[in-house]
C-alpha atoms as a PDB file:
ATOM      1  CA  MET A   1     -75.751  -5.288  51.381  1.00  0.00           C
ATOM      2  CA  ARG A   2     -75.116  -1.539  51.630  1.00  0.00           C
ATOM      3  CA  LEU A   3     -72.102  -1.842  49.303  1.00  0.00           C
ATOM      4  CA  PHE A   4     -74.156  -3.798  46.786  1.00  0.00           C
ATOM      5  CA  LEU A   5     -76.948  -1.229  46.859  1.00  0.00           C
ATOM      6  CA  SER A   6     -74.474   1.604  46.441  1.00  0.00           C
ATOM      7  CA  LEU A   7     -72.902  -0.028  43.404  1.00  0.00           C
ATOM      8  CA  ALA A   8     -76.294  -0.703  41.907  1.00  0.00           C
ATOM      9  CA  ALA A   9     -77.382   2.878  42.535  1.00  0.00           C
ATOM     10  CA  LEU A  10     -74.325   4.106  40.665  1.00  0.00           C
ATOM     11  CA  GLY A  11     -75.068   1.834  37.747  1.00  0.00           C
ATOM     12  CA  LEU A  12     -71.898  -0.248  38.293  1.00  0.00           C
ATOM     13  CA  SER A  13     -71.739  -3.957  37.621  1.00  0.00           C
ATOM     14  CA  LEU A  14     -69.468  -6.809  38.599  1.00  0.00           C
ATOM     15  CA  SER A  15     -70.786  -9.030  35.789  1.00  0.00           C
ATOM     16  CA  PRO A  16     -68.488 -11.178  33.606  1.00  0.00           C
ATOM     17  CA  ALA A  17     -68.766  -8.555  30.894  1.00  0.00           C
ATOM     18  CA  SER A  18     -66.625  -6.149  32.951  1.00  0.00           C
ATOM     19  CA  GLY A  19     -63.793  -8.681  32.939  1.00  0.00           C
ATOM     20  CA  ALA A  20     -64.047  -9.020  29.169  1.00  0.00           C
ATOM     21  CA  ASP A  21     -63.998  -5.252  28.806  1.00  0.00           C
ATOM     22  CA  ALA A  22     -60.869  -5.047  30.938  1.00  0.00           C
ATOM     23  CA  ALA A  23     -59.144  -7.719  28.847  1.00  0.00           C
ATOM     24  CA  GLN A  24     -60.119  -5.882  25.683  1.00  0.00           C
ATOM     25  CA  ALA A  25     -58.728  -2.628  27.089  1.00  0.00           C
ATOM     26  CA  ARG A  26     -55.438  -4.321  27.940  1.00  0.00           C
ATOM     27  CA  ALA A  27     -55.230  -5.713  24.420  1.00  0.00           C
ATOM     28  CA  LYS A  28     -55.421  -2.171  23.022  1.00  0.00           C
ATOM     29  CA  VAL A  29     -52.440  -0.928  25.039  1.00  0.00           C
ATOM     30  CA  ASP A  30     -49.433   0.024  22.908  1.00  0.00           C
ATOM     31  CA  TRP A  31     -46.709  -1.493  25.068  1.00  0.00           C
ATOM     32  CA  THR A  32     -43.927   0.050  22.969  1.00  0.00           C
ATOM     33  CA  THR A  33     -44.510   3.300  24.853  1.00  0.00           C
ATOM     34  CA  HIS A  34     -44.133   1.650  28.275  1.00  0.00           C
ATOM     35  CA  ILE A  35     -40.512   2.149  29.390  1.00  0.00           C
ATOM     36  CA  THR A  36     -39.239   1.254  32.850  1.00  0.00           C
ATOM     37  CA  GLN A  37     -35.823   1.072  34.457  1.00  0.00           C
ATOM     38  CA  THR A  38     -34.318  -1.803  36.426  1.00  0.00           C
ATOM     39  CA  PRO A  39     -32.417  -1.233  39.694  1.00  0.00           C
ATOM     40  CA  ALA A  40     -29.193  -1.812  37.723  1.00  0.00           C
ATOM     41  CA  GLY A  41     -30.119   0.969  35.282  1.00  0.00           C
ATOM     42  CA  ALA A  42     -31.152  -1.071  32.234  1.00  0.00           C
ATOM     43  CA  TYR A  43     -34.204   0.099  30.320  1.00  0.00           C
ATOM     44  CA  VAL A  44     -37.112  -2.305  29.748  1.00  0.00           C
ATOM     45  CA  ILE A  45     -39.425  -1.702  26.806  1.00  0.00           C
ATOM     46  CA  GLY A  46     -42.860  -3.280  26.992  1.00  0.00           C
ATOM     47  CA  ASN A  47     -45.211  -5.128  29.286  1.00  0.00           C
ATOM     48  CA  PRO A  48     -43.510  -5.873  32.641  1.00  0.00           C
ATOM     49  CA  ASP A  49     -45.673  -9.009  32.853  1.00  0.00           C
ATOM     50  CA  ALA A  50     -44.847 -10.189  29.334  1.00  0.00           C
ATOM     51  CA  ARG A  51     -44.667 -13.941  28.828  1.00  0.00           C
ATOM     52  CA  VAL A  52     -41.395 -13.567  26.925  1.00  0.00           C
ATOM     53  CA  LYS A  53     -38.662 -11.482  28.510  1.00  0.00           C
ATOM     54  CA  LEU A  54     -35.806 -10.758  26.129  1.00  0.00           C
ATOM     55  CA  VAL A  55     -32.541  -9.336  27.481  1.00  0.00           C
ATOM     56  CA  GLU A  56     -30.228  -7.831  24.885  1.00  0.00           C
ATOM     57  CA  TYR A  57     -26.630  -6.773  25.445  1.00  0.00           C
ATOM     58  CA  VAL A  58     -25.820  -4.003  22.973  1.00  0.00           C
ATOM     59  CA  SER A  59     -22.821  -1.960  21.886  1.00  0.00           C
ATOM     60  CA  TYR A  60     -23.528   1.186  19.930  1.00  0.00           C
ATOM     61  CA  THR A  61     -20.332   0.840  17.881  1.00  0.00           C
ATOM     62  CA  CYS A  62     -21.120  -2.775  16.945  1.00  0.00           C
ATOM     63  CA  PRO A  63     -22.152  -3.136  13.247  1.00  0.00           C
ATOM     64  CA  HIS A  64     -23.937  -6.408  14.022  1.00  0.00           C
ATOM     65  CA  CYS A  65     -26.122  -4.575  16.567  1.00  0.00           C
ATOM     66  CA  ALA A  66     -27.028  -1.939  13.975  1.00  0.00           C
ATOM     67  CA  ALA A  67     -27.884  -4.653  11.443  1.00  0.00           C
ATOM     68  CA  PHE A  68     -30.007  -6.435  14.027  1.00  0.00           C
ATOM     69  CA  TYR A  69     -32.006  -3.296  14.829  1.00  0.00           C
ATOM     70  CA  ALA A  70     -32.641  -2.574  11.167  1.00  0.00           C
ATOM     71  CA  SER A  71     -34.019  -6.048  10.503  1.00  0.00           C
ATOM     72  CA  ALA A  72     -35.675  -6.839  13.847  1.00  0.00           C
ATOM     73  CA  MET A  73     -37.555  -3.761  15.016  1.00  0.00           C
ATOM     74  CA  PRO A  74     -40.522  -3.860  12.612  1.00  0.00           C
ATOM     75  CA  VAL A  75     -41.608  -7.214  14.067  1.00  0.00           C
ATOM     76  CA  LEU A  76     -39.835  -7.350  17.428  1.00  0.00           C
ATOM     77  CA  LYS A  77     -40.987  -3.934  18.561  1.00  0.00           C
ATOM     78  CA  GLY A  78     -43.818  -3.273  16.135  1.00  0.00           C
ATOM     79  CA  GLN A  79     -45.558  -6.590  16.788  1.00  0.00           C
ATOM     80  CA  PHE A  80     -44.143  -8.659  19.664  1.00  0.00           C
ATOM     81  CA  VAL A  81     -43.595  -5.807  22.120  1.00  0.00           C
ATOM     82  CA  ARG A  82     -46.625  -3.828  20.996  1.00  0.00           C
ATOM     83  CA  SER A  83     -48.922  -6.775  21.689  1.00  0.00           C
ATOM     84  CA  GLY A  84     -47.690  -7.163  25.261  1.00  0.00           C
ATOM     85  CA  SER A  85     -46.382 -10.684  24.687  1.00  0.00           C
ATOM     86  CA  THR A  86     -42.723  -9.641  24.804  1.00  0.00           C
ATOM     87  CA  SER A  87     -40.509  -7.161  26.615  1.00  0.00           C
ATOM     88  CA  ILE A  88     -36.955  -6.106  25.772  1.00  0.00           C
ATOM     89  CA  GLU A  89     -34.413  -5.208  28.434  1.00  0.00           C
ATOM     90  CA  ILE A  90     -31.476  -3.324  26.930  1.00  0.00           C
ATOM     91  CA  ARG A  91     -28.170  -3.660  28.737  1.00  0.00           C
ATOM     92  CA  HIS A  92     -25.017  -1.826  27.697  1.00  0.00           C
ATOM     93  CA  TYR A  93     -21.910  -3.789  26.766  1.00  0.00           C
ATOM     94  CA  LEU A  94     -18.952  -1.470  26.237  1.00  0.00           C
ATOM     95  CA  LEU A  95     -16.346  -2.258  23.603  1.00  0.00           C
ATOM     96  CA  ASN A  96     -14.503   1.071  23.744  1.00  0.00           C
ATOM     97  CA  ARG A  97     -14.781   4.622  25.062  1.00  0.00           C
ATOM     98  CA  VAL A  98     -16.844   5.733  22.068  1.00  0.00           C
ATOM     99  CA  ASP A  99     -19.433   3.187  23.198  1.00  0.00           C
ATOM    100  CA  LEU A 100     -19.473   4.862  26.594  1.00  0.00           C
ATOM    101  CA  ALA A 101     -20.009   8.322  25.108  1.00  0.00           C
ATOM    102  CA  ALA A 102     -22.814   7.006  22.897  1.00  0.00           C
ATOM    103  CA  SER A 103     -24.434   5.232  25.859  1.00  0.00           C
ATOM    104  CA  LEU A 104     -24.383   8.420  27.919  1.00  0.00           C
ATOM    105  CA  ILE A 105     -26.025  10.327  25.060  1.00  0.00           C
ATOM    106  CA  ALA A 106     -28.667   7.612  24.590  1.00  0.00           C
ATOM    107  CA  ARG A 107     -29.589   7.753  28.277  1.00  0.00           C
ATOM    108  CA  CYS A 108     -29.404  11.544  28.571  1.00  0.00           C
ATOM    109  CA  GLY A 109     -33.108  12.189  28.016  1.00  0.00           C
ATOM    110  CA  GLY A 110     -34.214   9.456  30.394  1.00  0.00           C
ATOM    111  CA  ALA A 111     -36.823   6.835  29.575  1.00  0.00           C
ATOM    112  CA  GLY A 112     -38.768   9.191  27.329  1.00  0.00           C
ATOM    113  CA  LYS A 113     -35.966   9.551  24.782  1.00  0.00           C
ATOM    114  CA  PHE A 114     -33.938   6.379  25.276  1.00  0.00           C
ATOM    115  CA  VAL A 115     -35.683   4.201  22.692  1.00  0.00           C
ATOM    116  CA  GLY A 116     -35.716   6.891  20.015  1.00  0.00           C
ATOM    117  CA  LEU A 117     -32.078   7.823  20.576  1.00  0.00           C
ATOM    118  CA  THR A 118     -31.001   4.182  20.538  1.00  0.00           C
ATOM    119  CA  GLU A 119     -32.759   3.599  17.229  1.00  0.00           C
ATOM    120  CA  THR A 120     -31.256   6.794  15.776  1.00  0.00           C
ATOM    121  CA  LEU A 121     -27.747   5.889  16.912  1.00  0.00           C
ATOM    122  CA  PHE A 122     -27.987   2.524  15.195  1.00  0.00           C
ATOM    123  CA  ALA A 123     -29.640   3.927  12.069  1.00  0.00           C
ATOM    124  CA  GLN A 124     -26.875   6.536  11.703  1.00  0.00           C
ATOM    125  CA  GLN A 125     -24.036   4.358  12.996  1.00  0.00           C
ATOM    126  CA  LYS A 126     -22.092   4.248   9.716  1.00  0.00           C
ATOM    127  CA  SER A 127     -21.905   8.031   9.612  1.00  0.00           C
ATOM    128  CA  TRP A 128     -21.017   8.880  13.205  1.00  0.00           C
ATOM    129  CA  GLY A 129     -19.014   5.683  13.649  1.00  0.00           C
ATOM    130  CA  GLN A 130     -16.698   6.637  10.798  1.00  0.00           C
ATOM    131  CA  ARG A 131     -16.323  10.138  12.228  1.00  0.00           C
ATOM    132  CA  ALA A 132     -15.566   8.692  15.657  1.00  0.00           C
ATOM    133  CA  MET A 133     -12.857   6.408  14.277  1.00  0.00           C
ATOM    134  CA  GLU A 134     -11.183   9.217  12.339  1.00  0.00           C
ATOM    135  CA  PHE A 135     -11.424  11.598  15.274  1.00  0.00           C
ATOM    136  CA  ASP A 136     -10.004   9.060  17.711  1.00  0.00           C
ATOM    137  CA  GLN A 137      -7.126   8.194  15.389  1.00  0.00           C
ATOM    138  CA  ALA A 138      -6.191  11.855  15.065  1.00  0.00           C
ATOM    139  CA  ASN A 139      -6.796  12.923  18.658  1.00  0.00           C
ATOM    140  CA  GLY A 140      -6.939   9.807  20.822  1.00  0.00           C
ATOM    141  CA  GLN A 141      -3.564  10.177  22.488  1.00  0.00           C
ATOM    142  CA  ARG A 142      -4.184  13.790  23.429  1.00  0.00           C
ATOM    143  CA  ILE A 143      -7.735  13.126  24.617  1.00  0.00           C
ATOM    144  CA  GLY A 144      -6.490  10.283  26.772  1.00  0.00           C
ATOM    145  CA  THR A 145      -4.785  12.824  29.040  1.00  0.00           C
ATOM    146  CA  TYR A 146      -8.092  14.594  29.770  1.00  0.00           C
ATOM    147  CA  PRO A 147     -10.323  13.939  32.793  1.00  0.00           C
ATOM    148  CA  LEU A 148     -13.020  11.394  31.932  1.00  0.00           C
ATOM    149  CA  ALA A 149     -15.826  13.952  31.572  1.00  0.00           C
ATOM    150  CA  ALA A 150     -13.731  16.023  29.158  1.00  0.00           C
ATOM    151  CA  GLN A 151     -12.870  12.873  27.186  1.00  0.00           C
ATOM    152  CA  MET A 152     -16.540  12.042  26.809  1.00  0.00           C
ATOM    153  CA  ARG A 153     -17.430  15.552  25.644  1.00  0.00           C
ATOM    154  CA  ALA A 154     -14.572  15.631  23.137  1.00  0.00           C
ATOM    155  CA  ILE A 155     -15.525  12.257  21.701  1.00  0.00           C
ATOM    156  CA  ALA A 156     -19.230  13.122  21.571  1.00  0.00           C
ATOM    157  CA  ASP A 157     -18.487  16.383  19.764  1.00  0.00           C
ATOM    158  CA  GLY A 158     -15.914  14.859  17.423  1.00  0.00           C
ATOM    159  CA  ALA A 159     -18.058  11.863  16.480  1.00  0.00           C
ATOM    160  CA  GLY A 160     -21.239  13.839  15.930  1.00  0.00           C
ATOM    161  CA  LEU A 161     -23.002  12.284  18.925  1.00  0.00           C
ATOM    162  CA  THR A 162     -23.638  15.710  20.433  1.00  0.00           C
ATOM    163  CA  ALA A 163     -25.407  16.765  17.241  1.00  0.00           C
ATOM    164  CA  ILE A 164     -27.592  13.637  17.356  1.00  0.00           C
ATOM    165  CA  GLY A 165     -28.541  14.413  20.947  1.00  0.00           C
ATOM    166  CA  LYS A 166     -29.420  18.004  20.100  1.00  0.00           C
ATOM    167  CA  ALA A 167     -31.508  16.886  17.126  1.00  0.00           C
ATOM    168  CA  ALA A 168     -33.489  14.754  19.589  1.00  0.00           C
ATOM    169  CA  GLY A 169     -34.196  17.794  21.762  1.00  0.00           C
ATOM    170  CA  LEU A 170     -31.361  17.655  24.291  1.00  0.00           C
ATOM    171  CA  GLY A 171     -29.878  20.986  25.337  1.00  0.00           C
ATOM    172  CA  ASP A 172     -26.140  21.697  25.368  1.00  0.00           C
ATOM    173  CA  ALA A 173     -26.000  22.116  29.149  1.00  0.00           C
ATOM    174  CA  GLN A 174     -28.019  18.901  29.540  1.00  0.00           C
ATOM    175  CA  ILE A 175     -25.575  17.008  27.330  1.00  0.00           C
ATOM    176  CA  THR A 176     -22.602  18.380  29.272  1.00  0.00           C
ATOM    177  CA  ALA A 177     -24.202  17.257  32.533  1.00  0.00           C
ATOM    178  CA  CYS A 178     -24.914  13.772  31.164  1.00  0.00           C
ATOM    179  CA  LEU A 179     -21.397  13.288  29.831  1.00  0.00           C
ATOM    180  CA  SER A 180     -20.054  14.402  33.224  1.00  0.00           C
ATOM    181  CA  ASP A 181     -22.363  12.178  35.275  1.00  0.00           C
ATOM    182  CA  ARG A 182     -20.021   9.792  37.072  1.00  0.00           C
ATOM    183  CA  ALA A 183     -22.859   7.810  38.666  1.00  0.00           C
ATOM    184  CA  ALA A 184     -24.379   7.153  35.233  1.00  0.00           C
ATOM    185  CA  THR A 185     -20.955   6.215  33.886  1.00  0.00           C
ATOM    186  CA  ASP A 186     -20.392   3.774  36.734  1.00  0.00           C
ATOM    187  CA  ARG A 187     -23.785   2.149  36.100  1.00  0.00           C
ATOM    188  CA  ILE A 188     -23.023   1.617  32.422  1.00  0.00           C
ATOM    189  CA  VAL A 189     -19.568   0.212  33.183  1.00  0.00           C
ATOM    190  CA  ALA A 190     -21.083  -2.076  35.826  1.00  0.00           C
ATOM    191  CA  MET A 191     -23.490  -3.562  33.247  1.00  0.00           C
ATOM    192  CA  THR A 192     -20.510  -4.646  31.188  1.00  0.00           C
ATOM    193  CA  SER A 193     -18.432  -5.913  34.096  1.00  0.00           C
ATOM    194  CA  SER A 194     -21.368  -7.883  35.521  1.00  0.00           C
ATOM    195  CA  ALA A 195     -22.324  -9.443  32.181  1.00  0.00           C
ATOM    196  CA  PRO A 196     -22.049 -13.247  32.047  1.00  0.00           C
ATOM    197  CA  GLU A 197     -18.687 -14.474  30.794  1.00  0.00           C
ATOM    198  CA  SER A 198     -20.552 -16.736  28.386  1.00  0.00           C
ATOM    199  CA  ILE A 199     -21.490 -13.775  26.183  1.00  0.00           C
ATOM    200  CA  GLU A 200     -19.849 -14.414  22.819  1.00  0.00           C
ATOM    201  CA  GLY A 201     -20.266 -10.939  21.393  1.00  0.00           C
ATOM    202  CA  THR A 202     -22.883  -8.331  20.649  1.00  0.00           C
ATOM    203  CA  PRO A 203     -25.736  -8.413  20.248  1.00  0.00           C
ATOM    204  CA  GLY A 204     -26.089 -11.026  22.963  1.00  0.00           C
ATOM    205  CA  PHE A 205     -29.492 -12.428  23.910  1.00  0.00           C
ATOM    206  CA  PHE A 206     -31.181 -14.122  26.837  1.00  0.00           C
ATOM    207  CA  ILE A 207     -34.771 -15.374  26.560  1.00  0.00           C
ATOM    208  CA  ASN A 208     -36.514 -15.817  29.897  1.00  0.00           C
ATOM    209  CA  GLY A 209     -33.138 -16.125  31.571  1.00  0.00           C
ATOM    210  CA  LYS A 210     -31.654 -18.644  29.128  1.00  0.00           C
ATOM    211  CA  GLN A 211     -28.853 -17.556  26.826  1.00  0.00           C
ATOM    212  CA  ALA A 212     -29.419 -17.890  23.085  1.00  0.00           C
ATOM    213  CA  MET A 213     -25.992 -19.270  22.267  1.00  0.00           C
ATOM    214  CA  GLY A 214     -24.583 -18.483  18.852  1.00  0.00           C
ATOM    215  CA  VAL A 215     -27.502 -16.191  17.962  1.00  0.00           C
ATOM    216  CA  PHE A 216     -26.634 -12.725  16.634  1.00  0.00           C
ATOM    217  CA  THR A 217     -29.199 -12.115  13.890  1.00  0.00           C
ATOM    218  CA  TRP A 218     -32.952 -11.593  13.730  1.00  0.00           C
ATOM    219  CA  ASP A 219     -33.595 -14.550  11.440  1.00  0.00           C
ATOM    220  CA  ARG A 220     -32.152 -16.869  14.092  1.00  0.00           C
ATOM    221  CA  LEU A 221     -33.675 -15.109  17.099  1.00  0.00           C
ATOM    222  CA  MET A 222     -37.249 -14.801  15.803  1.00  0.00           C
ATOM    223  CA  PRO A 223     -38.050 -18.558  15.807  1.00  0.00           C
ATOM    224  CA  LEU A 224     -36.799 -18.825  19.397  1.00  0.00           C
ATOM    225  CA  LEU A 225     -39.037 -15.966  20.484  1.00  0.00           C
ATOM    226  CA  ARG A 226     -42.065 -17.428  18.721  1.00  0.00           C
ATOM    227  CA  ALA A 227     -41.404 -20.802  20.352  1.00  0.00           C
ATOM    228  CA  ALA A 228     -41.315 -19.070  23.740  1.00  0.00           C
ATOM    229  CA  GLY A 229     -44.660 -17.357  23.127  1.00  0.00           C
ATOM    230  CA  SER A 230     -43.995 -14.071  21.279  1.00  0.00           C
ATOM    231  CA  ARG A 231     -46.952 -13.066  19.162  1.00  0.00           C
END
């Protein structure tokens, strides 16, 4: 009785309307800004309680991944994730050492910069990817004799990845530390080594734990997400 009187005195109510207000407030949340990290180090974008949980294995040097991001993000992120119906867990899948350098740059600013850097890396992939290939062809043998941290810095500088990181607000010392971070490197490598053998290539997708076999493009993934409950 005392609790009830205290609530009433404060003008608070436990009426059904408060539940409706709470639901309305949740509906207004922009879930694209909600970024969390799994124990394995993958980043999850969106509502942690989303009905549809999409896992995507990505390689930053993969042209198919860049094409997917260009076509998918307006609806996948701008609608499905934003609404709270869908979350995206991004897991790294390394194809080469340039992928590793790009992954380290993407993760260098933590959760706050990961999504933006990932989208920038894919949007500018043709430019830095070509530079990376030319740089590796000319210098790969020599760089291969360097310690791993020095390899990553040389590749990042030569490919233009360092410049992309700096344009996103990363400092030079911060970039050096990220490219030298062995624990972060081991986590990224572990994502690839622990990936299911059934993955056919990148991008690779799992919807609520079930692999979307033979699906690499947005036009084939979207109907599966809608069928699962993405809105």
